[in-house]
Amino acid sequence: MPICIECRTPVSTLWRSGAGDNSGHSIRLTVCRNCGRFCDKYVEHDFVVLFIDLVLIKPQVYRHLLHNTLMRDGDRFDPSIVRLGVLLLLFDVYLTWARIEKKSMPESETGQSTLGQLAQQPIVFQYLFFLILCAVSTFAFHASIRFLASSRYSPLVLAGLLPRFSRPNSVSTALLVSSSTKLFPILMVIWEYDVPAAARSLGWAVVANNVEALRILLDCRYYTATILAILGAAARWMTGWLILTSVGLGDWNSITESDIAADGKAFWGYLMYAVQWAGRLVAG
């Protein structure tokens, strides 16, 4: 059932036909009886406006997408979400491959790449490896959050921090929609700006969008959504590290210089800072 994106009140319809009036419009937006504003103004907006508001993390656009547009009966995936998931996966393959390969360029003294035997394999084999790496890491990210949000055995559900959500595919939909900011580095095709700090900042921007999407979909508190996003990111990082280690890229020299390790260090640093900040807040 659709909702008002302003006050979250359930409504019967978001718009009605305007045929026969003198305004010339084909549709008329429904006004919410609870808050007095349009139930869903994004019905008349194009995808550019939606994407800009997604980047700005506006709750209304997430309610429009997650409750009024992409929700399907039987918890089925919307076809557009399937296409977005494939696009994000393929783009993640490109970014991961490019960055690991760049940081693994042959050194001037030895002339050997830290990619080891993987660099000696055919290009198709290398692509399949990074495709599997990104696909399994993404699966771990979604599976961990879906379990924590939808399983009756979830520690968060058992602890009473989160009511059990019965639509796990909607959880994946929220994560995919909120991860669309990953497409920003496509500008690398035009401008060379592959700065590690910018990449990590973009990564944390994606996490912030994930938190907002989970909070809106699950109707939970910010700290619960943050826990879900952090645990999912930790599962993805650990899975990627294990796969890289299995092919000989888990040694100290190569892993400490990779984006995966840098993200892991940043994640641990932010986590420790958050714990210290919470401790000072409680003590004060």
Protein backbone atom coordinates (compact mmCIF):
# COMPACT_ATOMS: atom_id res chain seq x y z
CA MET A 1 0.00 0.00 0.00
CA PRO A 2 1.47 3.40 -0.92
CA ILE A 3 2.28 5.97 1.75
CA CYS A 4 2.63 9.73 1.99
CA ILE A 5 6.34 10.42 1.62
CA GLU A 6 6.10 13.37 4.01
CA CYS A 7 4.35 11.86 7.05
CA ARG A 8 4.31 8.12 6.13
CA THR A 9 0.51 7.89 6.38
CA PRO A 10 -0.93 5.05 4.25
CA VAL A 11 -3.02 6.32 1.33
CA SER A 12 -5.25 4.62 -1.20
CA THR A 13 -3.80 6.35 -4.25
CA LEU A 14 -1.02 8.81 -5.08
CA TRP A 15 -2.72 10.51 -8.01
CA ARG A 16 -5.90 10.56 -10.00
CA SER A 17 -6.80 11.42 -13.55
CA GLY A 18 -7.24 15.11 -14.25
CA ALA A 19 -9.10 14.62 -17.51
CA GLY A 20 -12.08 16.87 -17.91
CA ASP A 21 -10.84 19.76 -15.77
CA ASN A 22 -9.64 23.12 -17.05
CA SER A 23 -6.04 22.79 -15.86
CA GLY A 24 -4.82 20.80 -18.85
CA HIS A 25 -2.96 18.29 -16.69
CA SER A 26 -3.40 14.58 -17.28
CA ILE A 27 -3.03 13.70 -13.59
CA ARG A 28 -3.68 15.40 -10.26
CA LEU A 29 -1.52 14.57 -7.26
CA THR A 30 -3.35 13.40 -4.16
CA VAL A 31 -3.14 15.67 -1.12
CA CYS A 32 -2.51 13.91 2.19
CA ARG A 33 -5.35 14.37 4.67
CA ASN A 34 -2.92 14.09 7.57
CA CYS A 35 -0.21 16.63 6.70
CA GLY A 36 -1.89 18.60 3.92
CA ARG A 37 0.96 18.15 1.44
CA PHE A 38 1.20 16.15 -1.78
CA CYS A 39 1.38 12.44 -0.97
CA ASP A 40 4.18 11.86 -3.48
CA LYS A 41 5.56 14.79 -5.45
CA TYR A 42 8.13 12.55 -7.17
CA VAL A 43 5.40 11.02 -9.33
CA GLU A 44 5.91 13.96 -11.69
CA HIS A 45 9.71 14.17 -11.39
CA ASP A 46 12.22 12.60 -13.77
CA PHE A 47 15.13 10.31 -12.93
CA VAL A 48 17.68 13.15 -12.81
CA VAL A 49 15.83 14.79 -9.92
CA LEU A 50 15.48 11.42 -8.19
CA PHE A 51 19.20 10.71 -8.48
CA ILE A 52 20.17 14.17 -7.19
CA ASP A 53 17.89 13.77 -4.17
CA LEU A 54 19.30 10.28 -3.58
CA VAL A 55 22.78 11.78 -3.42
CA LEU A 56 21.47 14.42 -1.00
CA ILE A 57 20.00 11.59 1.13
CA LYS A 58 16.49 13.02 1.25
CA PRO A 59 14.15 10.67 3.12
CA GLN A 60 11.22 11.51 0.84
CA VAL A 61 12.88 10.11 -2.26
CA TYR A 62 13.71 6.86 -0.45
CA ARG A 63 10.09 6.52 0.67
CA HIS A 64 8.98 7.15 -2.92
CA LEU A 65 11.25 4.44 -4.32
CA LEU A 66 11.05 1.83 -1.56
CA HIS A 67 7.35 2.09 -0.71
CA ASN A 68 5.55 3.62 -3.69
CA THR A 69 7.52 2.53 -6.76
CA LEU A 70 9.72 -0.54 -6.35
CA MET A 71 7.68 -2.57 -3.85
CA ARG A 72 6.19 -5.67 -5.53
CA ASP A 73 3.63 -8.23 -4.39
CA GLY A 74 5.18 -11.44 -3.12
CA ASP A 75 8.43 -9.61 -2.34
CA ARG A 76 9.57 -9.92 -5.96
CA PHE A 77 12.42 -7.88 -7.42
CA ASP A 78 11.45 -5.09 -9.77
CA PRO A 79 13.13 -5.62 -13.20
CA SER A 80 14.80 -2.21 -12.98
CA ILE A 81 16.44 -3.23 -9.70
CA VAL A 82 17.83 -6.38 -11.31
CA ARG A 83 19.37 -4.25 -14.07
CA LEU A 84 20.76 -1.81 -11.50
CA GLY A 85 22.31 -4.67 -9.53
CA VAL A 86 24.03 -6.04 -12.64
CA LEU A 87 25.29 -2.57 -13.55
CA LEU A 88 26.69 -1.97 -10.05
CA LEU A 89 28.38 -5.37 -10.06
CA LEU A 90 30.05 -4.85 -13.44
CA PHE A 91 31.15 -1.36 -12.48
CA ASP A 92 32.52 -2.67 -9.18
CA VAL A 93 34.53 -5.23 -11.16
CA TYR A 94 36.07 -2.47 -13.27
CA LEU A 95 36.99 -0.31 -10.26
CA THR A 96 38.39 -3.18 -8.18
CA TRP A 97 40.45 -4.55 -11.06
CA ALA A 98 41.79 -1.12 -12.04
CA ARG A 99 42.81 -0.12 -8.52
CA ILE A 100 44.40 -3.43 -7.52
CA GLU A 101 46.24 -3.59 -10.83
CA LYS A 102 47.43 0.01 -10.46
CA LYS A 103 48.77 -0.64 -6.98
CA SER A 104 50.38 -3.86 -8.20
CA MET A 105 52.39 -2.41 -11.08
CA PRO A 106 55.88 -3.94 -11.56
CA GLU A 107 58.48 -2.37 -9.33
CA SER A 108 61.49 -0.75 -10.99
CA GLU A 109 64.03 -2.99 -9.24
CA THR A 110 62.49 -6.43 -9.63
CA GLY A 111 60.21 -5.88 -12.62
CA GLN A 112 57.68 -8.23 -11.03
CA SER A 113 54.05 -7.49 -10.31
CA THR A 114 52.60 -8.21 -6.90
CA LEU A 115 49.64 -9.78 -8.71
CA GLY A 116 51.88 -12.85 -9.01
CA GLN A 117 50.53 -15.75 -11.06
CA LEU A 118 47.24 -13.98 -11.64
CA ALA A 119 48.99 -11.46 -13.89
CA GLN A 120 50.26 -14.34 -16.05
CA GLN A 121 46.78 -15.67 -16.76
CA PRO A 122 44.69 -14.79 -19.86
CA ILE A 123 42.72 -11.60 -19.66
CA VAL A 124 39.42 -13.50 -19.64
CA PHE A 125 40.55 -15.51 -16.64
CA GLN A 126 41.55 -12.33 -14.79
CA TYR A 127 38.16 -10.78 -15.52
CA LEU A 128 36.35 -13.87 -14.26
CA PHE A 129 38.42 -13.77 -11.07
CA PHE A 130 37.50 -10.17 -10.29
CA LEU A 131 33.89 -10.87 -11.27
CA ILE A 132 33.75 -13.72 -8.76
CA LEU A 133 35.53 -11.58 -6.15
CA CYS A 134 33.00 -8.75 -6.44
CA ALA A 135 29.98 -11.05 -6.79
CA VAL A 136 30.83 -13.11 -3.69
CA SER A 137 31.69 -9.99 -1.67
CA THR A 138 28.41 -8.34 -2.68
CA PHE A 139 26.52 -11.52 -1.84
CA ALA A 140 28.11 -11.58 1.63
CA PHE A 141 27.11 -7.94 2.14
CA HIS A 142 23.46 -8.54 1.22
CA ALA A 143 23.17 -11.95 2.90
CA SER A 144 24.48 -10.70 6.24
CA ILE A 145 22.10 -7.73 6.37
CA ARG A 146 19.14 -9.79 5.12
CA PHE A 147 19.81 -12.35 7.86
CA LEU A 148 20.06 -9.70 10.58
CA ALA A 149 16.88 -7.97 9.41
CA SER A 150 14.65 -10.87 8.35
CA SER A 151 15.69 -14.05 10.14
CA ARG A 152 13.95 -15.15 13.32
CA TYR A 153 17.41 -16.17 14.59
CA SER A 154 18.88 -12.69 14.09
CA PRO A 155 20.65 -11.40 17.23
CA LEU A 156 19.09 -7.98 16.68
CA VAL A 157 15.60 -9.49 16.47
CA LEU A 158 16.15 -11.70 19.52
CA ALA A 159 17.49 -8.72 21.49
CA GLY A 160 14.42 -6.66 20.60
CA LEU A 161 16.46 -3.99 18.80
CA LEU A 162 14.73 -4.61 15.49
CA PRO A 163 11.32 -6.06 14.61
CA ARG A 164 11.57 -8.96 12.18
CA PHE A 165 11.12 -7.73 8.60
CA SER A 166 9.38 -10.31 6.42
CA ARG A 167 10.49 -8.98 3.01
CA PRO A 168 14.22 -9.78 2.56
CA ASN A 169 14.20 -8.92 -1.15
CA SER A 170 13.04 -5.43 -0.25
CA VAL A 171 16.12 -5.14 1.97
CA SER A 172 18.33 -5.92 -1.02
CA THR A 173 16.35 -3.41 -3.08
CA ALA A 174 17.03 -0.71 -0.49
CA LEU A 175 20.75 -1.55 -0.47
CA LEU A 176 21.01 -1.46 -4.26
CA VAL A 177 19.13 1.82 -4.59
CA SER A 178 21.25 3.46 -1.87
CA SER A 179 24.45 2.15 -3.48
CA SER A 180 23.78 3.95 -6.77
CA THR A 181 26.29 6.64 -5.76
CA LYS A 182 28.96 4.05 -6.60
CA LEU A 183 28.44 5.10 -10.21
CA PHE A 184 30.09 8.47 -9.61
CA PRO A 185 33.61 7.18 -10.44
CA ILE A 186 32.42 6.68 -14.02
CA LEU A 187 33.75 10.20 -14.46
CA MET A 188 37.22 8.60 -14.33
CA VAL A 189 36.62 7.80 -17.99
CA ILE A 190 36.77 11.54 -18.67
CA TRP A 191 38.92 12.92 -15.82
CA GLU A 192 41.75 11.16 -14.02
CA TYR A 193 41.08 11.73 -10.35
CA ASP A 194 41.74 8.33 -8.80
CA VAL A 195 42.75 9.74 -5.42
CA PRO A 196 42.60 7.20 -2.53
CA ALA A 197 41.06 9.76 -0.18
CA ALA A 198 38.31 10.51 -2.70
CA ALA A 199 37.62 6.80 -3.18
CA ARG A 200 37.31 6.21 0.55
CA SER A 201 35.12 9.30 0.97
CA LEU A 202 32.81 7.94 -1.73
CA GLY A 203 32.77 4.58 0.07
CA TRP A 204 31.62 6.18 3.30
CA ALA A 205 29.04 8.23 1.39
CA VAL A 206 27.61 4.92 0.14
CA VAL A 207 27.52 3.64 3.73
CA ALA A 208 25.62 6.78 4.80
CA ASN A 209 23.08 6.18 2.03
CA ASN A 210 22.78 2.52 3.08
CA VAL A 211 22.05 3.59 6.66
CA GLU A 212 19.33 6.02 5.56
CA ALA A 213 17.70 3.46 3.25
CA LEU A 214 17.68 0.77 5.94
CA ARG A 215 16.29 3.17 8.52
CA ILE A 216 13.41 4.19 6.25
CA LEU A 217 12.59 0.69 5.03
CA LEU A 218 12.81 -1.06 8.41
CA ASP A 219 11.41 1.91 10.35
CA CYS A 220 14.17 1.58 12.95
CA ARG A 221 16.49 3.93 14.79
CA TYR A 222 19.67 5.31 13.27
CA TYR A 223 21.96 3.31 15.54
CA THR A 224 20.25 0.05 14.53
CA ALA A 225 20.57 0.86 10.83
CA THR A 226 24.21 1.84 11.40
CA ILE A 227 24.91 -1.50 13.06
CA LEU A 228 23.38 -3.31 10.08
CA ALA A 229 25.41 -1.29 7.55
CA ILE A 230 28.68 -1.70 9.46
CA LEU A 231 28.26 -5.45 9.93
CA GLY A 232 27.41 -5.83 6.24
CA ALA A 233 30.48 -3.81 5.23
CA ALA A 234 32.64 -5.91 7.56
CA ALA A 235 31.29 -9.13 5.99
CA ARG A 236 32.05 -7.82 2.50
CA TRP A 237 35.58 -6.74 3.44
CA MET A 238 36.37 -10.05 5.16
CA THR A 239 35.07 -12.05 2.20
CA GLY A 240 37.17 -10.03 -0.25
CA TRP A 241 40.25 -10.41 1.93
CA LEU A 242 39.80 -14.20 2.12
CA ILE A 243 39.47 -14.51 -1.66
CA LEU A 244 42.56 -12.37 -2.27
CA THR A 245 44.49 -14.37 0.30
CA SER A 246 43.52 -17.62 -1.42
CA VAL A 247 45.28 -16.50 -4.62
CA GLY A 248 48.41 -15.23 -2.91
CA LEU A 249 47.47 -11.58 -2.58
CA GLY A 250 47.04 -11.71 1.16
CA ASP A 251 50.66 -11.14 2.10
CA TRP A 252 51.55 -8.04 4.12
CA ASN A 253 53.10 -6.01 1.29
CA SER A 254 50.29 -6.36 -1.22
CA ILE A 255 47.32 -6.27 1.11
CA THR A 256 48.44 -3.30 3.15
CA GLU A 257 48.74 -1.26 -0.05
CA SER A 258 45.36 -2.26 -1.45
CA ASP A 259 42.10 -0.35 -1.22
CA ILE A 260 40.50 -3.30 0.59
CA ALA A 261 42.99 -3.06 3.43
CA ALA A 262 42.75 0.72 3.49
CA ASP A 263 38.99 0.49 3.75
CA GLY A 264 39.39 -2.08 6.52
CA LYS A 265 41.74 0.21 8.43
CA ALA A 266 39.40 3.16 7.93
CA PHE A 267 36.47 1.05 9.09
CA TRP A 268 38.34 0.01 12.23
CA GLY A 269 39.47 3.58 12.89
CA TYR A 270 35.95 4.97 12.53
CA LEU A 271 34.60 2.19 14.74
CA MET A 272 37.12 2.91 17.51
CA TYR A 273 36.40 6.63 17.26
CA ALA A 274 32.66 5.99 17.54
CA VAL A 275 33.19 3.80 20.62
CA GLN A 276 35.38 6.46 22.28
CA TRP A 277 32.88 9.21 21.40
CA ALA A 278 30.00 7.16 22.84
CA GLY A 279 32.02 6.50 25.99
CA ARG A 280 32.69 10.21 26.51
CA LEU A 281 29.01 10.97 25.86
CA VAL A 282 27.88 8.46 28.47
CA ALA A 283 30.51 9.59 30.99
CA GLY A 284 29.58 13.23 30.48
